[in-house]
C-alpha atoms as a PDB file:
ATOM      1  CA  UNK A   1     -15.218 -14.514 -14.468  1.00  0.00           C
ATOM      2  CA  UNK A   2     -12.307 -14.090 -16.819  1.00  0.00           C
ATOM      3  CA  UNK A   3     -10.609 -10.715 -16.761  1.00  0.00           C
ATOM      4  CA  UNK A   4      -8.371  -9.367 -19.497  1.00  0.00           C
ATOM      5  CA  UNK A   5      -6.886  -6.159 -20.778  1.00  0.00           C
ATOM      6  CA  UNK A   6      -8.306  -4.888 -24.073  1.00  0.00           C
ATOM      7  CA  UNK A   7      -5.888  -3.657 -26.730  1.00  0.00           C
ATOM      8  CA  UNK A   8      -4.711  -0.040 -26.782  1.00  0.00           C
ATOM      9  CA  UNK A   9      -7.095   1.095 -29.529  1.00  0.00           C
ATOM     10  CA  UNK A  10     -10.112  -0.385 -27.744  1.00  0.00           C
ATOM     11  CA  UNK A  11      -9.069   1.312 -24.509  1.00  0.00           C
ATOM     12  CA  UNK A  12      -8.753   4.668 -26.263  1.00  0.00           C
ATOM     13  CA  UNK A  13     -12.309   4.251 -27.573  1.00  0.00           C
ATOM     14  CA  UNK A  14     -13.934   2.956 -24.395  1.00  0.00           C
ATOM     15  CA  UNK A  15     -12.204   4.860 -21.581  1.00  0.00           C
ATOM     16  CA  UNK A  16     -12.600   8.547 -20.880  1.00  0.00           C
ATOM     17  CA  UNK A  17      -9.459  10.571 -21.654  1.00  0.00           C
ATOM     18  CA  UNK A  18      -8.845  10.913 -17.903  1.00  0.00           C
ATOM     19  CA  UNK A  19      -9.293   7.176 -17.216  1.00  0.00           C
ATOM     20  CA  UNK A  20      -6.926   6.357 -20.077  1.00  0.00           C
ATOM     21  CA  UNK A  21      -4.343   8.874 -18.853  1.00  0.00           C
ATOM     22  CA  UNK A  22      -4.480   7.582 -15.274  1.00  0.00           C
ATOM     23  CA  UNK A  23      -4.496   3.841 -15.982  1.00  0.00           C
ATOM     24  CA  UNK A  24      -2.286   3.650 -19.077  1.00  0.00           C
ATOM     25  CA  UNK A  25       0.035   6.654 -18.710  1.00  0.00           C
ATOM     26  CA  UNK A  26       0.505   6.633 -14.915  1.00  0.00           C
ATOM     27  CA  UNK A  27      -1.455   9.842 -14.533  1.00  0.00           C
ATOM     28  CA  UNK A  28      -3.169  11.300 -11.496  1.00  0.00           C
ATOM     29  CA  UNK A  29      -6.583  12.903 -11.305  1.00  0.00           C
ATOM     30  CA  UNK A  30      -6.892  16.200  -9.483  1.00  0.00           C
ATOM     31  CA  UNK A  31      -7.656  15.795  -5.760  1.00  0.00           C
ATOM     32  CA  UNK A  32     -11.250  16.182  -4.581  1.00  0.00           C
ATOM     33  CA  UNK A  33     -12.651  15.511  -8.087  1.00  0.00           C
ATOM     34  CA  UNK A  34     -13.500  11.800  -7.910  1.00  0.00           C
ATOM     35  CA  UNK A  35     -17.136  10.798  -7.765  1.00  0.00           C
ATOM     36  CA  UNK A  36     -16.067   8.008  -5.376  1.00  0.00           C
ATOM     37  CA  UNK A  37     -14.232  10.085  -2.784  1.00  0.00           C
ATOM     38  CA  UNK A  38     -17.250  10.230  -0.473  1.00  0.00           C
ATOM     39  CA  UNK A  39     -19.220   7.223  -1.720  1.00  0.00           C
ATOM     40  CA  UNK A  40     -21.329   5.706   1.079  1.00  0.00           C
ATOM     41  CA  UNK A  41     -23.057   2.945  -0.911  1.00  0.00           C
ATOM     42  CA  UNK A  42     -22.132  -0.690  -0.307  1.00  0.00           C
ATOM     43  CA  UNK A  43     -20.397  -2.469  -3.154  1.00  0.00           C
ATOM     44  CA  UNK A  44     -17.049  -3.201  -4.720  1.00  0.00           C
ATOM     45  CA  UNK A  45     -14.662  -1.256  -6.890  1.00  0.00           C
ATOM     46  CA  UNK A  46     -13.197  -2.958  -9.945  1.00  0.00           C
ATOM     47  CA  UNK A  47     -10.450  -2.007 -12.381  1.00  0.00           C
ATOM     48  CA  UNK A  48     -12.110   0.135 -15.045  1.00  0.00           C
ATOM     49  CA  UNK A  49      -9.872  -1.543 -17.654  1.00  0.00           C
ATOM     50  CA  UNK A  50     -10.302  -5.262 -16.924  1.00  0.00           C
ATOM     51  CA  UNK A  51     -13.113  -5.535 -14.388  1.00  0.00           C
ATOM     52  CA  UNK A  52     -10.921  -7.351 -11.875  1.00  0.00           C
ATOM     53  CA  UNK A  53     -12.133  -6.770  -8.285  1.00  0.00           C
ATOM     54  CA  UNK A  54      -9.951  -4.413  -6.262  1.00  0.00           C
ATOM     55  CA  UNK A  55     -11.592  -2.895  -3.170  1.00  0.00           C
ATOM     56  CA  UNK A  56     -14.709  -3.149  -1.013  1.00  0.00           C
ATOM     57  CA  UNK A  57     -16.674  -0.163   0.232  1.00  0.00           C
ATOM     58  CA  UNK A  58     -16.388  -1.773   3.683  1.00  0.00           C
ATOM     59  CA  UNK A  59     -12.668  -0.941   3.598  1.00  0.00           C
ATOM     60  CA  UNK A  60     -13.141   2.628   2.343  1.00  0.00           C
ATOM     61  CA  UNK A  61     -12.553   5.555   4.678  1.00  0.00           C
ATOM     62  CA  UNK A  62     -12.327   9.331   4.475  1.00  0.00           C
ATOM     63  CA  UNK A  63      -8.629  10.114   4.744  1.00  0.00           C
ATOM     64  CA  UNK A  64      -9.036  13.757   3.764  1.00  0.00           C
ATOM     65  CA  UNK A  65      -6.384  13.391   1.043  1.00  0.00           C
ATOM     66  CA  UNK A  66      -8.735  14.118  -1.866  1.00  0.00           C
ATOM     67  CA  UNK A  67      -8.798  10.631  -3.397  1.00  0.00           C
ATOM     68  CA  UNK A  68     -10.783   7.500  -2.521  1.00  0.00           C
ATOM     69  CA  UNK A  69      -8.897   5.683   0.253  1.00  0.00           C
ATOM     70  CA  UNK A  70      -9.035   2.065   1.392  1.00  0.00           C
ATOM     71  CA  UNK A  71      -7.406   0.069   4.180  1.00  0.00           C
ATOM     72  CA  UNK A  72      -6.882  -3.084   2.118  1.00  0.00           C
ATOM     73  CA  UNK A  73      -7.598  -4.656  -1.281  1.00  0.00           C
ATOM     74  CA  UNK A  74      -9.931  -7.613  -1.825  1.00  0.00           C
ATOM     75  CA  UNK A  75      -7.633  -9.249  -4.380  1.00  0.00           C
ATOM     76  CA  UNK A  76      -3.992  -9.193  -5.377  1.00  0.00           C
ATOM     77  CA  UNK A  77      -2.585  -5.729  -6.035  1.00  0.00           C
ATOM     78  CA  UNK A  78       0.899  -5.273  -7.495  1.00  0.00           C
ATOM     79  CA  UNK A  79       3.244  -2.955  -5.609  1.00  0.00           C
ATOM     80  CA  UNK A  80       6.157  -1.177  -7.306  1.00  0.00           C
ATOM     81  CA  UNK A  81       8.758   1.313  -6.139  1.00  0.00           C
ATOM     82  CA  UNK A  82       8.006   4.773  -7.504  1.00  0.00           C
ATOM     83  CA  UNK A  83      10.709   7.428  -7.414  1.00  0.00           C
ATOM     84  CA  UNK A  84       9.036   9.846  -9.811  1.00  0.00           C
ATOM     85  CA  UNK A  85       8.537  13.498  -8.885  1.00  0.00           C
ATOM     86  CA  UNK A  86      11.554  13.357  -6.541  1.00  0.00           C
ATOM     87  CA  UNK A  87       9.633  11.200  -4.030  1.00  0.00           C
ATOM     88  CA  UNK A  88       9.923   7.663  -2.676  1.00  0.00           C
ATOM     89  CA  UNK A  89       6.500   6.018  -2.830  1.00  0.00           C
ATOM     90  CA  UNK A  90       4.920   2.626  -3.430  1.00  0.00           C
ATOM     91  CA  UNK A  91       2.767   2.544  -6.544  1.00  0.00           C
ATOM     92  CA  UNK A  92      -0.132   0.086  -6.763  1.00  0.00           C
ATOM     93  CA  UNK A  93      -1.269  -1.488 -10.022  1.00  0.00           C
ATOM     94  CA  UNK A  94      -3.916  -4.032 -10.940  1.00  0.00           C
ATOM     95  CA  UNK A  95      -2.604  -7.556 -11.440  1.00  0.00           C
ATOM     96  CA  UNK A  96      -4.201  -8.535 -14.741  1.00  0.00           C
ATOM     97  CA  UNK A  97      -4.480  -5.274 -16.684  1.00  0.00           C
ATOM     98  CA  UNK A  98      -1.418  -3.629 -15.096  1.00  0.00           C
ATOM     99  CA  UNK A  99      -3.473  -0.449 -14.656  1.00  0.00           C
ATOM    100  CA  UNK A 100      -1.949   2.338 -12.607  1.00  0.00           C
ATOM    101  CA  UNK A 101      -4.287   2.768  -9.628  1.00  0.00           C
ATOM    102  CA  UNK A 102      -2.473   5.045  -7.204  1.00  0.00           C
ATOM    103  CA  UNK A 103      -0.183   4.583  -4.203  1.00  0.00           C
ATOM    104  CA  UNK A 104      -0.162   2.927  -0.796  1.00  0.00           C
ATOM    105  CA  UNK A 105       1.075   4.701   2.336  1.00  0.00           C
ATOM    106  CA  UNK A 106       1.577   3.624   5.939  1.00  0.00           C
ATOM    107  CA  UNK A 107      -0.469   6.442   7.473  1.00  0.00           C
ATOM    108  CA  UNK A 108      -3.851   4.721   7.440  1.00  0.00           C
ATOM    109  CA  UNK A 109      -6.027   3.872  10.443  1.00  0.00           C
ATOM    110  CA  UNK A 110      -3.842   1.948  12.911  1.00  0.00           C
ATOM    111  CA  UNK A 111      -6.804  -0.105  14.154  1.00  0.00           C
ATOM    112  CA  UNK A 112      -7.397  -1.329  10.577  1.00  0.00           C
ATOM    113  CA  UNK A 113      -3.831  -2.310   9.700  1.00  0.00           C
ATOM    114  CA  UNK A 114      -2.233   1.107   9.229  1.00  0.00           C
ATOM    115  CA  UNK A 115      -2.317   1.238   5.410  1.00  0.00           C
ATOM    116  CA  UNK A 116      -3.923   3.849   3.180  1.00  0.00           C
ATOM    117  CA  UNK A 117      -4.459   2.841  -0.427  1.00  0.00           C
ATOM    118  CA  UNK A 118      -4.835   6.234  -2.112  1.00  0.00           C
ATOM    119  CA  UNK A 119      -6.570   5.417  -5.400  1.00  0.00           C
ATOM    120  CA  UNK A 120      -7.510   7.450  -8.463  1.00  0.00           C
ATOM    121  CA  UNK A 121     -11.268   7.231  -8.853  1.00  0.00           C
ATOM    122  CA  UNK A 122     -10.769   7.426 -12.631  1.00  0.00           C
ATOM    123  CA  UNK A 123      -9.176   3.950 -12.448  1.00  0.00           C
ATOM    124  CA  UNK A 124     -12.265   2.459 -10.803  1.00  0.00           C
ATOM    125  CA  UNK A 125     -15.771   1.325 -11.635  1.00  0.00           C
ATOM    126  CA  UNK A 126     -18.180   0.903  -8.729  1.00  0.00           C
ATOM    127  CA  UNK A 127     -20.611  -2.000  -8.619  1.00  0.00           C
ATOM    128  CA  UNK A 128     -23.334  -1.586  -6.007  1.00  0.00           C
ATOM    129  CA  UNK A 129     -24.046  -4.487  -3.658  1.00  0.00           C
ATOM    130  CA  UNK A 130     -27.503  -5.000  -5.182  1.00  0.00           C
ATOM    131  CA  UNK A 131     -25.950  -5.345  -8.669  1.00  0.00           C
ATOM    132  CA  UNK A 132     -23.145  -7.783  -7.814  1.00  0.00           C
ATOM    133  CA  UNK A 133     -25.044 -10.912  -8.850  1.00  0.00           C
ATOM    134  CA  UNK A 134     -26.376  -9.338 -12.059  1.00  0.00           C
ATOM    135  CA  UNK A 135     -22.842  -8.189 -13.003  1.00  0.00           C
ATOM    136  CA  UNK A 136     -21.268 -11.612 -12.300  1.00  0.00           C
ATOM    137  CA  UNK A 137     -19.600 -10.758  -8.989  1.00  0.00           C
ATOM    138  CA  UNK A 138     -21.966 -12.656  -6.682  1.00  0.00           C
ATOM    139  CA  UNK A 139     -19.084 -14.302  -4.786  1.00  0.00           C
ATOM    140  CA  UNK A 140     -18.356 -10.844  -3.334  1.00  0.00           C
ATOM    141  CA  UNK A 141     -21.780 -10.618  -1.673  1.00  0.00           C
ATOM    142  CA  UNK A 142     -20.219 -12.427   1.289  1.00  0.00           C
ATOM    143  CA  UNK A 143     -18.217  -9.271   2.040  1.00  0.00           C
ATOM    144  CA  UNK A 144     -21.445  -7.593   3.124  1.00  0.00           C
ATOM    145  CA  UNK A 145     -22.808 -10.296   5.394  1.00  0.00           C
ATOM    146  CA  UNK A 146     -22.748  -9.368   9.092  1.00  0.00           C
END
């Protein structure tokens, strides 16, 4: 699949105001409001802007922070220093669309690498395991083999 970032006007028409604010203006959704925070279905999460694969439900865990949390990405994620709001954090962005996704912290499950990718659900689109082939992501079916 080829992933790309649509132009600004297209994004304003196709994304919800919250998704646009989060991904294009470095916004943050309110905690405990994401439909994906407690998702238990198998599948992958892709960048809502470009469709590039980001995370697997197999790496999702309940961190209690109020946002969907993952132990690792399934593709390249860009990390940037973030000193906004008088804090020192590491921002994570999608590689192709440069969408703001959230932040990564080192307080994740130690037995799974110790990282917690704290991600805005508004930046994600979920594709269920049974829809991966139909949506063109069949290579990711291997993530769900025993």
